Amino acid sequence: MSAPGKKTYLYFINLDERGEFYADVRDGSNNTIFEIKGFDIFEDGWMRNKSDLKGLKNHLVSLGAMKDGDDLTREA
């Protein structure tokens, strides 16, 4: 059971091939709250690799898109 006010967000990798990358983060209603197109997020140091959920969460918290107590998980 999650804490009151705590939200869970899902990270989806939609395209990862031939030098192209596209992913998004969705809220509990399946609305996209953040998109990753290309490799800037990695080159800028926010994420070490495509599986770095901690780095992605820190970036989303810094942007105000998530709260520090919220959860970010990979799609099932």
C-alpha atoms as a PDB file:
ATOM      1  CA  MET A   1       0.000   0.000   0.000  1.00  0.00           C
ATOM      2  CA  SER A   2       1.439   3.372  -0.942  1.00  0.00           C
ATOM      3  CA  ALA A   3       1.571   6.418   1.278  1.00  0.00           C
ATOM      4  CA  PRO A   4      -1.164   9.057   0.921  1.00  0.00           C
ATOM      5  CA  GLY A   5      -0.372  11.470  -1.898  1.00  0.00           C
ATOM      6  CA  LYS A   6       2.400   9.236  -3.195  1.00  0.00           C
ATOM      7  CA  LYS A   7       2.161   8.643  -6.938  1.00  0.00           C
ATOM      8  CA  THR A   8       3.641   5.951  -9.142  1.00  0.00           C
ATOM      9  CA  TYR A   9       4.950   6.775 -12.600  1.00  0.00           C
ATOM     10  CA  LEU A  10       5.895   4.310 -15.338  1.00  0.00           C
ATOM     11  CA  TYR A  11       8.883   4.577 -17.678  1.00  0.00           C
ATOM     12  CA  PHE A  12       8.353   3.184 -21.188  1.00  0.00           C
ATOM     13  CA  ILE A  13      11.082   2.663 -23.783  1.00  0.00           C
ATOM     14  CA  ASN A  14       9.212   2.905 -27.074  1.00  0.00           C
ATOM     15  CA  LEU A  15      12.095   2.892 -29.573  1.00  0.00           C
ATOM     16  CA  ASP A  16      15.710   1.845 -29.083  1.00  0.00           C
ATOM     17  CA  GLU A  17      17.386   0.846 -32.325  1.00  0.00           C
ATOM     18  CA  ARG A  18      19.736   2.032 -35.058  1.00  0.00           C
ATOM     19  CA  GLY A  19      20.844   5.171 -33.268  1.00  0.00           C
ATOM     20  CA  GLU A  20      17.349   6.273 -32.331  1.00  0.00           C
ATOM     21  CA  PHE A  21      15.867   6.451 -28.841  1.00  0.00           C
ATOM     22  CA  TYR A  22      12.407   7.455 -27.687  1.00  0.00           C
ATOM     23  CA  ALA A  23      10.899   6.907 -24.240  1.00  0.00           C
ATOM     24  CA  ASP A  24       8.252   8.483 -22.073  1.00  0.00           C
ATOM     25  CA  VAL A  25       7.107   8.636 -18.463  1.00  0.00           C
ATOM     26  CA  ARG A  26       3.400   8.210 -17.734  1.00  0.00           C
ATOM     27  CA  ASP A  27       1.262   8.932 -14.708  1.00  0.00           C
ATOM     28  CA  GLY A  28      -1.309   6.611 -13.139  1.00  0.00           C
ATOM     29  CA  SER A  29      -3.903   7.643 -15.746  1.00  0.00           C
ATOM     30  CA  ASN A  30      -1.540   6.666 -18.596  1.00  0.00           C
ATOM     31  CA  ASN A  31      -0.925  10.318 -19.532  1.00  0.00           C
ATOM     32  CA  THR A  32       2.576  11.131 -20.775  1.00  0.00           C
ATOM     33  CA  ILE A  33       4.229  13.626 -18.425  1.00  0.00           C
ATOM     34  CA  PHE A  34       7.734  13.580 -19.962  1.00  0.00           C
ATOM     35  CA  GLU A  35       9.284  12.465 -23.249  1.00  0.00           C
ATOM     36  CA  ILE A  36      12.857  11.543 -24.084  1.00  0.00           C
ATOM     37  CA  LYS A  37      13.716  11.947 -27.763  1.00  0.00           C
ATOM     38  CA  GLY A  38      17.304  11.237 -28.718  1.00  0.00           C
ATOM     39  CA  PHE A  39      20.324  11.083 -26.457  1.00  0.00           C
ATOM     40  CA  ASP A  40      20.549  14.558 -24.879  1.00  0.00           C
ATOM     41  CA  ILE A  41      19.421  13.321 -21.459  1.00  0.00           C
ATOM     42  CA  PHE A  42      22.375  10.905 -21.433  1.00  0.00           C
ATOM     43  CA  GLU A  43      24.894  13.345 -22.905  1.00  0.00           C
ATOM     44  CA  ASP A  44      23.826  16.009 -20.389  1.00  0.00           C
ATOM     45  CA  GLY A  45      24.495  13.564 -17.548  1.00  0.00           C
ATOM     46  CA  TRP A  46      20.972  13.166 -16.171  1.00  0.00           C
ATOM     47  CA  MET A  47      20.883   9.447 -16.997  1.00  0.00           C
ATOM     48  CA  ARG A  48      23.915   7.136 -17.206  1.00  0.00           C
ATOM     49  CA  ASN A  49      22.080   4.716 -19.500  1.00  0.00           C
ATOM     50  CA  LYS A  50      18.556   3.836 -20.611  1.00  0.00           C
ATOM     51  CA  SER A  51      17.911   1.875 -17.390  1.00  0.00           C
ATOM     52  CA  ASP A  52      18.998   4.624 -14.954  1.00  0.00           C
ATOM     53  CA  LEU A  53      15.684   5.249 -13.208  1.00  0.00           C
ATOM     54  CA  LYS A  54      17.357   7.027 -10.298  1.00  0.00           C
ATOM     55  CA  GLY A  55      18.899   9.620 -12.621  1.00  0.00           C
ATOM     56  CA  LEU A  56      15.644  10.044 -14.522  1.00  0.00           C
ATOM     57  CA  LYS A  57      13.688  10.486 -11.298  1.00  0.00           C
ATOM     58  CA  ASN A  58      16.177  13.091 -10.032  1.00  0.00           C
ATOM     59  CA  HIS A  59      15.751  14.990 -13.310  1.00  0.00           C
ATOM     60  CA  LEU A  60      11.949  14.855 -13.115  1.00  0.00           C
ATOM     61  CA  VAL A  61      12.015  16.021  -9.482  1.00  0.00           C
ATOM     62  CA  SER A  62      14.295  18.933 -10.447  1.00  0.00           C
ATOM     63  CA  LEU A  63      11.801  19.903 -13.178  1.00  0.00           C
ATOM     64  CA  GLY A  64       8.870  19.679 -10.748  1.00  0.00           C
ATOM     65  CA  ALA A  65       7.217  16.874 -12.740  1.00  0.00           C
ATOM     66  CA  MET A  66       7.503  14.447  -9.794  1.00  0.00           C
ATOM     67  CA  LYS A  67       7.898  14.726  -6.038  1.00  0.00           C
ATOM     68  CA  ASP A  68      10.845  13.123  -4.275  1.00  0.00           C
ATOM     69  CA  GLY A  69       8.543  10.685  -2.454  1.00  0.00           C
ATOM     70  CA  ASP A  70       6.887   9.441  -5.656  1.00  0.00           C
ATOM     71  CA  ASP A  71       7.855   6.152  -7.295  1.00  0.00           C
ATOM     72  CA  LEU A  72       9.249   5.657 -10.789  1.00  0.00           C
ATOM     73  CA  THR A  73       9.293   2.155 -12.186  1.00  0.00           C
ATOM     74  CA  ARG A  74       9.819   0.467 -15.528  1.00  0.00           C
ATOM     75  CA  GLU A  75       6.790  -0.750 -17.457  1.00  0.00           C
ATOM     76  CA  ALA A  76       5.837  -4.327 -16.612  1.00  0.00           C
END
